[in-house]
Amino acid sequence: GFHARVVQHECDHLDGVLYPQRMTDLSSLTFTSEI
């Protein structure tokens, strides 16, 4: 669950990968204030 998500997110940083690079649908990329 969420624990697995956090581990993947943080390990991606070690490989120089940011979460937008993992997104399959960039139309969901939005401002946090809009969410």
PDB file of all heavy atoms in Angstrom:
ATOM      1  N   GLY A   1       0.804  -1.224   0.000  1.00  0.00           N
ATOM      2  CA  GLY A   1       0.000   0.000   0.000  1.00  0.00           C
ATOM      3  C   GLY A   1       0.831   1.266   0.000  1.00  0.00           C
ATOM      4  O   GLY A   1       1.779   1.406  -0.776  1.00  0.00           O
ATOM      5  N   PHE A   2       0.474   2.189   0.895  1.00  0.00           N
ATOM      6  CA  PHE A   2       1.138   3.489   0.936  1.00  0.00           C
ATOM      7  C   PHE A   2       2.621   3.360   1.269  1.00  0.00           C
ATOM      8  O   PHE A   2       3.452   4.070   0.710  1.00  0.00           O
ATOM      9  CB  PHE A   2       0.434   4.405   1.951  1.00  0.00           C
ATOM     10  CG  PHE A   2       0.930   5.818   1.897  1.00  0.00           C
ATOM     11  CD1 PHE A   2       0.530   6.668   0.877  1.00  0.00           C
ATOM     12  CD2 PHE A   2       1.796   6.298   2.857  1.00  0.00           C
ATOM     13  CE1 PHE A   2       0.994   7.973   0.817  1.00  0.00           C
ATOM     14  CE2 PHE A   2       2.261   7.594   2.814  1.00  0.00           C
ATOM     15  CZ  PHE A   2       1.856   8.439   1.786  1.00  0.00           C
ATOM     16  N   HIS A   3       2.973   2.443   2.155  1.00  0.00           N
ATOM     17  CA  HIS A   3       4.376   2.207   2.499  1.00  0.00           C
ATOM     18  C   HIS A   3       5.165   1.839   1.239  1.00  0.00           C
ATOM     19  O   HIS A   3       6.258   2.377   0.987  1.00  0.00           O
ATOM     20  CB  HIS A   3       4.454   1.110   3.557  1.00  0.00           C
ATOM     21  CG  HIS A   3       5.821   0.786   4.047  1.00  0.00           C
ATOM     22  ND1 HIS A   3       6.062  -0.268   4.889  1.00  0.00           N
ATOM     23  CD2 HIS A   3       7.032   1.334   3.828  1.00  0.00           C
ATOM     24  CE1 HIS A   3       7.347  -0.339   5.163  1.00  0.00           C
ATOM     25  NE2 HIS A   3       7.960   0.626   4.525  1.00  0.00           N
ATOM     26  N   ALA A   4       4.619   0.947   0.419  1.00  0.00           N
ATOM     27  CA  ALA A   4       5.287   0.548  -0.825  1.00  0.00           C
ATOM     28  C   ALA A   4       5.427   1.742  -1.767  1.00  0.00           C
ATOM     29  O   ALA A   4       6.452   1.910  -2.429  1.00  0.00           O
ATOM     30  CB  ALA A   4       4.511  -0.582  -1.504  1.00  0.00           C
ATOM     31  N   ARG A   5       4.388   2.584  -1.831  1.00  0.00           N
ATOM     32  CA  ARG A   5       4.424   3.775  -2.688  1.00  0.00           C
ATOM     33  C   ARG A   5       5.556   4.710  -2.260  1.00  0.00           C
ATOM     34  O   ARG A   5       6.329   5.205  -3.091  1.00  0.00           O
ATOM     35  CB  ARG A   5       3.078   4.505  -2.632  1.00  0.00           C
ATOM     36  CG  ARG A   5       3.028   5.805  -3.436  1.00  0.00           C
ATOM     37  CD  ARG A   5       1.628   6.378  -3.483  1.00  0.00           C
ATOM     38  NE  ARG A   5       0.734   5.467  -4.195  1.00  0.00           N
ATOM     39  CZ  ARG A   5       0.656   5.398  -5.522  1.00  0.00           C
ATOM     40  NH1 ARG A   5       1.387   6.183  -6.280  1.00  0.00           N
ATOM     41  NH2 ARG A   5      -0.165   4.534  -6.092  1.00  0.00           N
ATOM     42  N   VAL A   6       5.678   4.956  -0.965  1.00  0.00           N
ATOM     43  CA  VAL A   6       6.706   5.871  -0.461  1.00  0.00           C
ATOM     44  C   VAL A   6       8.103   5.328  -0.750  1.00  0.00           C
ATOM     45  O   VAL A   6       8.992   6.070  -1.183  1.00  0.00           O
ATOM     46  CB  VAL A   6       6.507   6.137   1.045  1.00  0.00           C
ATOM     47  CG1 VAL A   6       7.693   6.877   1.635  1.00  0.00           C
ATOM     48  CG2 VAL A   6       5.216   6.918   1.280  1.00  0.00           C
ATOM     49  N   VAL A   7       8.303   4.036  -0.525  1.00  0.00           N
ATOM     50  CA  VAL A   7       9.622   3.438  -0.786  1.00  0.00           C
ATOM     51  C   VAL A   7       9.990   3.601  -2.262  1.00  0.00           C
ATOM     52  O   VAL A   7      11.118   3.994  -2.599  1.00  0.00           O
ATOM     53  CB  VAL A   7       9.649   1.953  -0.352  1.00  0.00           C
ATOM     54  CG1 VAL A   7      10.922   1.264  -0.849  1.00  0.00           C
ATOM     55  CG2 VAL A   7       9.526   1.838   1.166  1.00  0.00           C
ATOM     56  N   GLN A   8       9.058   3.336  -3.167  1.00  0.00           N
ATOM     57  CA  GLN A   8       9.338   3.476  -4.602  1.00  0.00           C
ATOM     58  C   GLN A   8       9.653   4.931  -4.954  1.00  0.00           C
ATOM     59  O   GLN A   8      10.590   5.209  -5.713  1.00  0.00           O
ATOM     60  CB  GLN A   8       8.149   2.981  -5.424  1.00  0.00           C
ATOM     61  CG  GLN A   8       7.961   1.472  -5.342  1.00  0.00           C
ATOM     62  CD  GLN A   8       6.641   1.041  -5.921  1.00  0.00           C
ATOM     63  OE1 GLN A   8       6.524   0.903  -7.140  1.00  0.00           O
ATOM     64  NE2 GLN A   8       5.642   0.834  -5.073  1.00  0.00           N
ATOM     65  N   HIS A   9       8.863   5.858  -4.401  1.00  0.00           N
ATOM     66  CA  HIS A   9       9.060   7.290  -4.672  1.00  0.00           C
ATOM     67  C   HIS A   9      10.466   7.712  -4.237  1.00  0.00           C
ATOM     68  O   HIS A   9      11.190   8.369  -4.988  1.00  0.00           O
ATOM     69  CB  HIS A   9       7.988   8.096  -3.929  1.00  0.00           C
ATOM     70  CG  HIS A   9       8.122   9.571  -4.055  1.00  0.00           C
ATOM     71  ND1 HIS A   9       7.272  10.327  -4.835  1.00  0.00           N
ATOM     72  CD2 HIS A   9       8.996  10.448  -3.508  1.00  0.00           C
ATOM     73  CE1 HIS A   9       7.629  11.594  -4.755  1.00  0.00           C
ATOM     74  NE2 HIS A   9       8.676  11.694  -3.950  1.00  0.00           N
ATOM     75  N   GLU A  10      10.844   7.346  -3.008  1.00  0.00           N
ATOM     76  CA  GLU A  10      12.145   7.773  -2.488  1.00  0.00           C
ATOM     77  C   GLU A  10      13.302   7.087  -3.204  1.00  0.00           C
ATOM     78  O   GLU A  10      14.327   7.718  -3.480  1.00  0.00           O
ATOM     79  CB  GLU A  10      12.216   7.539  -0.977  1.00  0.00           C
ATOM     80  CG  GLU A  10      11.216   8.372  -0.185  1.00  0.00           C
ATOM     81  CD  GLU A  10      11.312   9.875  -0.437  1.00  0.00           C
ATOM     82  OE1 GLU A  10      12.415  10.382  -0.724  1.00  0.00           O
ATOM     83  OE2 GLU A  10      10.265  10.549  -0.349  1.00  0.00           O
ATOM     84  N   CYS A  11      13.159   5.819  -3.536  1.00  0.00           N
ATOM     85  CA  CYS A  11      14.223   5.128  -4.278  1.00  0.00           C
ATOM     86  C   CYS A  11      14.373   5.699  -5.684  1.00  0.00           C
ATOM     87  O   CYS A  11      15.488   5.740  -6.226  1.00  0.00           O
ATOM     88  CB  CYS A  11      13.974   3.626  -4.307  1.00  0.00           C
ATOM     89  SG  CYS A  11      14.296   2.828  -2.714  1.00  0.00           S
ATOM     90  N   ASP A  12      13.274   6.164  -6.282  1.00  0.00           N
ATOM     91  CA  ASP A  12      13.375   6.831  -7.581  1.00  0.00           C
ATOM     92  C   ASP A  12      14.322   8.033  -7.510  1.00  0.00           C
ATOM     93  O   ASP A  12      15.085   8.293  -8.438  1.00  0.00           O
ATOM     94  CB  ASP A  12      12.001   7.295  -8.071  1.00  0.00           C
ATOM     95  CG  ASP A  12      11.244   6.235  -8.837  1.00  0.00           C
ATOM     96  OD1 ASP A  12      11.822   5.160  -9.126  1.00  0.00           O
ATOM     97  OD2 ASP A  12      10.065   6.479  -9.163  1.00  0.00           O
ATOM     98  N   HIS A  13      14.276   8.768  -6.402  1.00  0.00           N
ATOM     99  CA  HIS A  13      15.173   9.918  -6.252  1.00  0.00           C
ATOM    100  C   HIS A  13      16.634   9.488  -6.361  1.00  0.00           C
ATOM    101  O   HIS A  13      17.459  10.219  -6.938  1.00  0.00           O
ATOM    102  CB  HIS A  13      14.951  10.617  -4.910  1.00  0.00           C
ATOM    103  CG  HIS A  13      13.748  11.505  -4.873  1.00  0.00           C
ATOM    104  ND1 HIS A  13      13.662  12.672  -5.601  1.00  0.00           N
ATOM    105  CD2 HIS A  13      12.584  11.393  -4.190  1.00  0.00           C
ATOM    106  CE1 HIS A  13      12.490  13.238  -5.369  1.00  0.00           C
ATOM    107  NE2 HIS A  13      11.817  12.485  -4.521  1.00  0.00           N
ATOM    108  N   LEU A  14      16.964   8.333  -5.823  1.00  0.00           N
ATOM    109  CA  LEU A  14      18.347   7.846  -5.887  1.00  0.00           C
ATOM    110  C   LEU A  14      18.787   7.577  -7.321  1.00  0.00           C
ATOM    111  O   LEU A  14      19.981   7.627  -7.628  1.00  0.00           O
ATOM    112  CB  LEU A  14      18.497   6.570  -5.053  1.00  0.00           C
ATOM    113  CG  LEU A  14      18.218   6.720  -3.561  1.00  0.00           C
ATOM    114  CD1 LEU A  14      18.297   5.359  -2.877  1.00  0.00           C
ATOM    115  CD2 LEU A  14      19.176   7.712  -2.923  1.00  0.00           C
ATOM    116  N   ASP A  15      17.806   7.298  -8.184  1.00  0.00           N
ATOM    117  CA  ASP A  15      18.092   7.050  -9.600  1.00  0.00           C
ATOM    118  C   ASP A  15      17.868   8.291 -10.463  1.00  0.00           C
ATOM    119  O   ASP A  15      17.893   8.211 -11.690  1.00  0.00           O
ATOM    120  CB  ASP A  15      17.211   5.909 -10.115  1.00  0.00           C
ATOM    121  CG  ASP A  15      17.542   4.584  -9.452  1.00  0.00           C
ATOM    122  OD1 ASP A  15      18.720   4.363  -9.118  1.00  0.00           O
ATOM    123  OD2 ASP A  15      16.617   3.767  -9.259  1.00  0.00           O
ATOM    124  N   GLY A  16      17.593   9.429  -9.818  1.00  0.00           N
ATOM    125  CA  GLY A  16      17.388  10.674 -10.565  1.00  0.00           C
ATOM    126  C   GLY A  16      16.038  10.750 -11.260  1.00  0.00           C
ATOM    127  O   GLY A  16      15.884  11.481 -12.247  1.00  0.00           O
ATOM    128  N   VAL A  17      15.057  10.008 -10.782  1.00  0.00           N
ATOM    129  CA  VAL A  17      13.733   9.976 -11.393  1.00  0.00           C
ATOM    130  C   VAL A  17      12.751  10.705 -10.486  1.00  0.00           C
ATOM    131  O   VAL A  17      12.711  10.443  -9.284  1.00  0.00           O
ATOM    132  CB  VAL A  17      13.266   8.516 -11.609  1.00  0.00           C
ATOM    133  CG1 VAL A  17      11.846   8.469 -12.155  1.00  0.00           C
ATOM    134  CG2 VAL A  17      14.228   7.790 -12.545  1.00  0.00           C
ATOM    135  N   LEU A  18      11.971  11.623 -11.056  1.00  0.00           N
ATOM    136  CA  LEU A  18      10.924  12.326 -10.324  1.00  0.00           C
ATOM    137  C   LEU A  18       9.570  11.776 -10.742  1.00  0.00           C
ATOM    138  O   LEU A  18       9.399  11.272 -11.855  1.00  0.00           O
ATOM    139  CB  LEU A  18      10.992  13.830 -10.588  1.00  0.00           C
ATOM    140  CG  LEU A  18      12.281  14.516 -10.132  1.00  0.00           C
ATOM    141  CD1 LEU A  18      12.274  15.982 -10.530  1.00  0.00           C
ATOM    142  CD2 LEU A  18      12.478  14.362  -8.629  1.00  0.00           C
ATOM    143  N   TYR A  19       8.587  11.892  -9.848  1.00  0.00           N
ATOM    144  CA  TYR A  19       7.290  11.246 -10.085  1.00  0.00           C
ATOM    145  C   TYR A  19       6.630  11.606 -11.414  1.00  0.00           C
ATOM    146  O   TYR A  19       5.978  10.743 -12.009  1.00  0.00           O
ATOM    147  CB  TYR A  19       6.324  11.477  -8.906  1.00  0.00           C
ATOM    148  CG  TYR A  19       5.715  12.841  -8.847  1.00  0.00           C
ATOM    149  CD1 TYR A  19       4.549  13.141  -9.546  1.00  0.00           C
ATOM    150  CD2 TYR A  19       6.306  13.844  -8.099  1.00  0.00           C
ATOM    151  CE1 TYR A  19       3.995  14.409  -9.487  1.00  0.00           C
ATOM    152  CE2 TYR A  19       5.751  15.109  -8.043  1.00  0.00           C
ATOM    153  CZ  TYR A  19       4.601  15.391  -8.736  1.00  0.00           C
ATOM    154  OH  TYR A  19       4.065  16.645  -8.693  1.00  0.00           O
ATOM    155  N   PRO A  20       6.770  12.843 -11.961  1.00  0.00           N
ATOM    156  CA  PRO A  20       6.130  13.083 -13.271  1.00  0.00           C
ATOM    157  C   PRO A  20       6.647  12.145 -14.368  1.00  0.00           C
ATOM    158  O   PRO A  20       5.922  11.829 -15.308  1.00  0.00           O
ATOM    159  CB  PRO A  20       6.464  14.539 -13.578  1.00  0.00           C
ATOM    160  CG  PRO A  20       6.646  15.168 -12.227  1.00  0.00           C
ATOM    161  CD  PRO A  20       7.325  14.084 -11.414  1.00  0.00           C
ATOM    162  N   GLN A  21       7.882  11.680 -14.222  1.00  0.00           N
ATOM    163  CA  GLN A  21       8.436  10.764 -15.211  1.00  0.00           C
ATOM    164  C   GLN A  21       7.804   9.373 -15.127  1.00  0.00           C
ATOM    165  O   GLN A  21       7.910   8.588 -16.070  1.00  0.00           O
ATOM    166  CB  GLN A  21       9.954  10.665 -15.022  1.00  0.00           C
ATOM    167  CG  GLN A  21      10.660  11.972 -15.326  1.00  0.00           C
ATOM    168  CD  GLN A  21      12.091  11.957 -14.855  1.00  0.00           C
ATOM    169  OE1 GLN A  21      12.368  12.213 -13.696  1.00  0.00           O
ATOM    170  NE2 GLN A  21      12.996  11.626 -15.769  1.00  0.00           N
ATOM    171  N   ARG A  22       7.138   9.065 -14.031  1.00  0.00           N
ATOM    172  CA  ARG A  22       6.453   7.787 -13.850  1.00  0.00           C
ATOM    173  C   ARG A  22       4.978   7.862 -14.231  1.00  0.00           C
ATOM    174  O   ARG A  22       4.308   6.845 -14.335  1.00  0.00           O
ATOM    175  CB  ARG A  22       6.548   7.326 -12.395  1.00  0.00           C
ATOM    176  CG  ARG A  22       7.940   7.016 -11.927  1.00  0.00           C
ATOM    177  CD  ARG A  22       8.351   5.652 -12.376  1.00  0.00           C
ATOM    178  NE  ARG A  22       9.648   5.305 -11.787  1.00  0.00           N
ATOM    179  CZ  ARG A  22      10.503   4.496 -12.358  1.00  0.00           C
ATOM    180  NH1 ARG A  22      10.209   3.928 -13.501  1.00  0.00           N
ATOM    181  NH2 ARG A  22      11.643   4.231 -11.779  1.00  0.00           N
ATOM    182  N   MET A  23       4.468   9.070 -14.422  1.00  0.00           N
ATOM    183  CA  MET A  23       3.048   9.236 -14.727  1.00  0.00           C
ATOM    184  C   MET A  23       2.734   8.704 -16.121  1.00  0.00           C
ATOM    185  O   MET A  23       3.488   8.937 -17.058  1.00  0.00           O
ATOM    186  CB  MET A  23       2.652  10.714 -14.621  1.00  0.00           C
ATOM    187  CG  MET A  23       2.732  11.261 -13.204  1.00  0.00           C
ATOM    188  SD  MET A  23       2.401  13.030 -13.107  1.00  0.00           S
ATOM    189  CE  MET A  23       0.702  13.072 -13.675  1.00  0.00           C
ATOM    190  N   THR A  24       1.625   7.992 -16.236  1.00  0.00           N
ATOM    191  CA  THR A  24       1.202   7.477 -17.536  1.00  0.00           C
ATOM    192  C   THR A  24       0.200   8.407 -18.204  1.00  0.00           C
ATOM    193  O   THR A  24      -0.064   8.276 -19.396  1.00  0.00           O
ATOM    194  CB  THR A  24       0.571   6.077 -17.381  1.00  0.00           C
ATOM    195  OG1 THR A  24      -0.483   6.146 -16.422  1.00  0.00           O
ATOM    196  CG2 THR A  24       1.612   5.061 -16.935  1.00  0.00           C
ATOM    197  N   ASP A  25      -0.359   9.346 -17.441  1.00  0.00           N
ATOM    198  CA  ASP A  25      -1.325  10.315 -17.973  1.00  0.00           C
ATOM    199  C   ASP A  25      -1.004  11.684 -17.385  1.00  0.00           C
ATOM    200  O   ASP A  25      -1.403  11.999 -16.268  1.00  0.00           O
ATOM    201  CB  ASP A  25      -2.747   9.897 -17.611  1.00  0.00           C
ATOM    202  CG  ASP A  25      -3.802  10.858 -18.140  1.00  0.00           C
ATOM    203  OD1 ASP A  25      -3.438  11.830 -18.846  1.00  0.00           O
ATOM    204  OD2 ASP A  25      -4.988  10.642 -17.831  1.00  0.00           O
ATOM    205  N   LEU A  26      -0.257  12.473 -18.131  1.00  0.00           N
ATOM    206  CA  LEU A  26       0.166  13.782 -17.630  1.00  0.00           C
ATOM    207  C   LEU A  26      -0.988  14.774 -17.489  1.00  0.00           C
ATOM    208  O   LEU A  26      -0.813  15.833 -16.901  1.00  0.00           O
ATOM    209  CB  LEU A  26       1.265  14.367 -18.516  1.00  0.00           C
ATOM    210  CG  LEU A  26       2.622  13.682 -18.373  1.00  0.00           C
ATOM    211  CD1 LEU A  26       3.612  14.220 -19.406  1.00  0.00           C
ATOM    212  CD2 LEU A  26       3.173  13.855 -16.973  1.00  0.00           C
ATOM    213  N   SER A  27      -2.179  14.421 -17.966  1.00  0.00           N
ATOM    214  CA  SER A  27      -3.314  15.331 -17.796  1.00  0.00           C
ATOM    215  C   SER A  27      -3.735  15.423 -16.325  1.00  0.00           C
ATOM    216  O   SER A  27      -4.449  16.348 -15.941  1.00  0.00           O
ATOM    217  CB  SER A  27      -4.502  14.912 -18.661  1.00  0.00           C
ATOM    218  OG  SER A  27      -5.082  13.718 -18.176  1.00  0.00           O
ATOM    219  N   SER A  28      -3.279  14.480 -15.479  1.00  0.00           N
ATOM    220  CA  SER A  28      -3.606  14.559 -14.050  1.00  0.00           C
ATOM    221  C   SER A  28      -2.605  15.420 -13.277  1.00  0.00           C
ATOM    222  O   SER A  28      -2.819  15.697 -12.105  1.00  0.00           O
ATOM    223  CB  SER A  28      -3.683  13.161 -13.420  1.00  0.00           C
ATOM    224  OG  SER A  28      -2.400  12.616 -13.230  1.00  0.00           O
ATOM    225  N   LEU A  29      -1.524  15.845 -13.921  1.00  0.00           N
ATOM    226  CA  LEU A  29      -0.566  16.729 -13.257  1.00  0.00           C
ATOM    227  C   LEU A  29      -1.242  18.072 -13.041  1.00  0.00           C
ATOM    228  O   LEU A  29      -1.703  18.704 -13.991  1.00  0.00           O
ATOM    229  CB  LEU A  29       0.698  16.900 -14.109  1.00  0.00           C
ATOM    230  CG  LEU A  29       1.842  17.675 -13.471  1.00  0.00           C
ATOM    231  CD1 LEU A  29       2.363  16.954 -12.232  1.00  0.00           C
ATOM    232  CD2 LEU A  29       2.974  17.857 -14.483  1.00  0.00           C
ATOM    233  N   THR A  30      -1.329  18.488 -11.794  1.00  0.00           N
ATOM    234  CA  THR A  30      -2.092  19.693 -11.474  1.00  0.00           C
ATOM    235  C   THR A  30      -1.480  20.426 -10.294  1.00  0.00           C
ATOM    236  O   THR A  30      -0.638  19.886  -9.577  1.00  0.00           O
ATOM    237  CB  THR A  30      -3.567  19.318 -11.185  1.00  0.00           C
ATOM    238  OG1 THR A  30      -4.341  20.488 -11.066  1.00  0.00           O
ATOM    239  CG2 THR A  30      -3.683  18.493  -9.908  1.00  0.00           C
ATOM    240  N   PHE A  31      -1.910  21.657 -10.105  1.00  0.00           N
ATOM    241  CA  PHE A  31      -1.479  22.429  -8.951  1.00  0.00           C
ATOM    242  C   PHE A  31      -2.165  21.884  -7.708  1.00  0.00           C
ATOM    243  O   PHE A  31      -3.365  21.592  -7.731  1.00  0.00           O
ATOM    244  CB  PHE A  31      -1.812  23.911  -9.129  1.00  0.00           C
ATOM    245  CG  PHE A  31      -1.018  24.577 -10.208  1.00  0.00           C
ATOM    246  CD1 PHE A  31      -1.589  24.855 -11.445  1.00  0.00           C
ATOM    247  CD2 PHE A  31       0.310  24.910 -10.011  1.00  0.00           C
ATOM    248  CE1 PHE A  31      -0.865  25.458 -12.450  1.00  0.00           C
ATOM    249  CE2 PHE A  31       1.060  25.521 -11.008  1.00  0.00           C
ATOM    250  CZ  PHE A  31       0.472  25.797 -12.234  1.00  0.00           C
ATOM    251  N   THR A  32      -1.421  21.763  -6.610  1.00  0.00           N
ATOM    252  CA  THR A  32      -2.008  21.243  -5.378  1.00  0.00           C
ATOM    253  C   THR A  32      -3.155  22.128  -4.902  1.00  0.00           C
ATOM    254  O   THR A  32      -4.125  21.630  -4.327  1.00  0.00           O
ATOM    255  CB  THR A  32      -0.960  21.100  -4.264  1.00  0.00           C
ATOM    256  OG1 THR A  32      -0.274  22.347  -4.096  1.00  0.00           O
ATOM    257  CG2 THR A  32       0.044  20.008  -4.598  1.00  0.00           C
ATOM    258  N   SER A  33      -3.091  23.410  -5.174  1.00  0.00           N
ATOM    259  CA  SER A  33      -4.179  24.307  -4.768  1.00  0.00           C
ATOM    260  C   SER A  33      -5.465  23.980  -5.521  1.00  0.00           C
ATOM    261  O   SER A  33      -6.559  24.154  -4.991  1.00  0.00           O
ATOM    262  CB  SER A  33      -3.790  25.763  -5.004  1.00  0.00           C
ATOM    263  OG  SER A  33      -3.490  25.980  -6.379  1.00  0.00           O
ATOM    264  N   GLU A  34      -5.348  23.485  -6.743  1.00  0.00           N
ATOM    265  CA  GLU A  34      -6.529  23.109  -7.522  1.00  0.00           C
ATOM    266  C   GLU A  34      -7.145  21.814  -6.980  1.00  0.00           C
ATOM    267  O   GLU A  34      -8.357  21.652  -6.995  1.00  0.00           O
ATOM    268  CB  GLU A  34      -6.172  22.927  -8.999  1.00  0.00           C
ATOM    269  CG  GLU A  34      -5.764  24.218  -9.683  1.00  0.00           C
ATOM    270  CD  GLU A  34      -6.869  25.258  -9.685  1.00  0.00           C
ATOM    271  OE1 GLU A  34      -8.040  24.891  -9.918  1.00  0.00           O
ATOM    272  OE2 GLU A  34      -6.571  26.432  -9.442  1.00  0.00           O
ATOM    273  N   ILE A  35      -6.319  20.893  -6.507  1.00  0.00           N
ATOM    274  CA  ILE A  35      -6.845  19.653  -5.936  1.00  0.00           C
ATOM    275  C   ILE A  35      -7.648  19.982  -4.694  1.00  0.00           C
ATOM    276  O   ILE A  35      -8.754  19.497  -4.507  1.00  0.00           O
ATOM    277  CB  ILE A  35      -5.704  18.670  -5.588  1.00  0.00           C
ATOM    278  CG1 ILE A  35      -4.975  18.241  -6.843  1.00  0.00           C
ATOM    279  CG2 ILE A  35      -6.263  17.445  -4.861  1.00  0.00           C
ATOM    280  CD1 ILE A  35      -3.716  17.459  -6.575  1.00  0.00           C
TER     281      ILE A  35
END
